[in-house]
């Protein structure tokens, strides 16, 4: 899911790629934010890159 956030995809686009409901994506994103201790997309991407979770 972080790949979609990093690429600027909408929740609907992420849901389509993963084959899940668009209503499910926000709860997953909130869990990612909580685990990375951030509160927005850009901070999540920055922290994920810093921790080696994703590469740009």
C-alpha atoms as a PDB file:
ATOM      1  CA  UNK A   1       0.000   0.000   0.000  1.00  0.00           C
ATOM      2  CA  UNK A   2       2.922   2.342   0.635  1.00  0.00           C
ATOM      3  CA  UNK A   3       3.906   2.064  -3.022  1.00  0.00           C
ATOM      4  CA  UNK A   4       0.540   3.541  -3.965  1.00  0.00           C
ATOM      5  CA  UNK A   5       0.875   6.332  -1.460  1.00  0.00           C
ATOM      6  CA  UNK A   6       4.391   7.075  -2.719  1.00  0.00           C
ATOM      7  CA  UNK A   7       3.167   7.239  -6.313  1.00  0.00           C
ATOM      8  CA  UNK A   8       0.320   9.571  -5.358  1.00  0.00           C
ATOM      9  CA  UNK A   9      -2.448   7.105  -6.161  1.00  0.00           C
ATOM     10  CA  UNK A  10      -5.923   7.749  -4.832  1.00  0.00           C
ATOM     11  CA  UNK A  11      -7.474   5.326  -2.376  1.00  0.00           C
ATOM     12  CA  UNK A  12      -9.692   4.054  -5.198  1.00  0.00           C
ATOM     13  CA  UNK A  13      -6.680   3.365  -7.400  1.00  0.00           C
ATOM     14  CA  UNK A  14      -4.868   1.552  -4.583  1.00  0.00           C
ATOM     15  CA  UNK A  15      -7.981  -0.515  -3.859  1.00  0.00           C
ATOM     16  CA  UNK A  16      -8.308  -1.482  -7.517  1.00  0.00           C
ATOM     17  CA  UNK A  17      -4.668  -2.592  -7.689  1.00  0.00           C
ATOM     18  CA  UNK A  18      -4.995  -4.666  -4.504  1.00  0.00           C
ATOM     19  CA  UNK A  19      -8.444  -6.050  -5.256  1.00  0.00           C
ATOM     20  CA  UNK A  20      -9.972  -4.697  -2.059  1.00  0.00           C
ATOM     21  CA  UNK A  21     -12.780  -2.266  -1.292  1.00  0.00           C
ATOM     22  CA  UNK A  22     -11.989   1.442  -1.529  1.00  0.00           C
ATOM     23  CA  UNK A  23     -13.588   1.743   1.919  1.00  0.00           C
ATOM     24  CA  UNK A  24     -10.929  -0.586   3.369  1.00  0.00           C
ATOM     25  CA  UNK A  25      -7.939   1.441   2.208  1.00  0.00           C
ATOM     26  CA  UNK A  26      -8.249   4.331   4.696  1.00  0.00           C
ATOM     27  CA  UNK A  27      -8.148   1.964   7.670  1.00  0.00           C
ATOM     28  CA  UNK A  28      -5.009   0.305   6.308  1.00  0.00           C
ATOM     29  CA  UNK A  29      -3.435   3.696   5.645  1.00  0.00           C
ATOM     30  CA  UNK A  30      -4.216   4.818   9.201  1.00  0.00           C
ATOM     31  CA  UNK A  31      -2.510   1.682  10.524  1.00  0.00           C
ATOM     32  CA  UNK A  32       0.558   2.422   8.391  1.00  0.00           C
ATOM     33  CA  UNK A  33       0.634   6.021   9.636  1.00  0.00           C
ATOM     34  CA  UNK A  34       0.362   4.806  13.231  1.00  0.00           C
ATOM     35  CA  UNK A  35       3.208   2.315  12.800  1.00  0.00           C
ATOM     36  CA  UNK A  36       5.434   4.913  11.151  1.00  0.00           C
ATOM     37  CA  UNK A  37       4.361   7.563  13.708  1.00  0.00           C
ATOM     38  CA  UNK A  38       3.286  10.060  11.044  1.00  0.00           C
ATOM     39  CA  UNK A  39       0.080  11.852  10.137  1.00  0.00           C
ATOM     40  CA  UNK A  40       0.246  12.512   6.394  1.00  0.00           C
ATOM     41  CA  UNK A  41       1.242  10.971   3.060  1.00  0.00           C
ATOM     42  CA  UNK A  42       4.505  12.802   2.544  1.00  0.00           C
ATOM     43  CA  UNK A  43       5.766  11.966   6.027  1.00  0.00           C
ATOM     44  CA  UNK A  44       4.775   8.327   5.545  1.00  0.00           C
ATOM     45  CA  UNK A  45       6.725   8.118   2.296  1.00  0.00           C
ATOM     46  CA  UNK A  46       9.738   9.883   3.817  1.00  0.00           C
ATOM     47  CA  UNK A  47       9.829   7.572   6.846  1.00  0.00           C
ATOM     48  CA  UNK A  48       9.295   4.470   4.714  1.00  0.00           C
ATOM     49  CA  UNK A  49      12.246   5.425   2.502  1.00  0.00           C
ATOM     50  CA  UNK A  50      14.431   6.240   5.516  1.00  0.00           C
ATOM     51  CA  UNK A  51      13.659   2.844   7.061  1.00  0.00           C
ATOM     52  CA  UNK A  52      14.243   0.973   3.795  1.00  0.00           C
ATOM     53  CA  UNK A  53      10.633  -0.141   3.552  1.00  0.00           C
ATOM     54  CA  UNK A  54      10.249   1.258   0.028  1.00  0.00           C
ATOM     55  CA  UNK A  55      12.628   2.590  -2.602  1.00  0.00           C
ATOM     56  CA  UNK A  56      11.870   5.421  -4.953  1.00  0.00           C
END
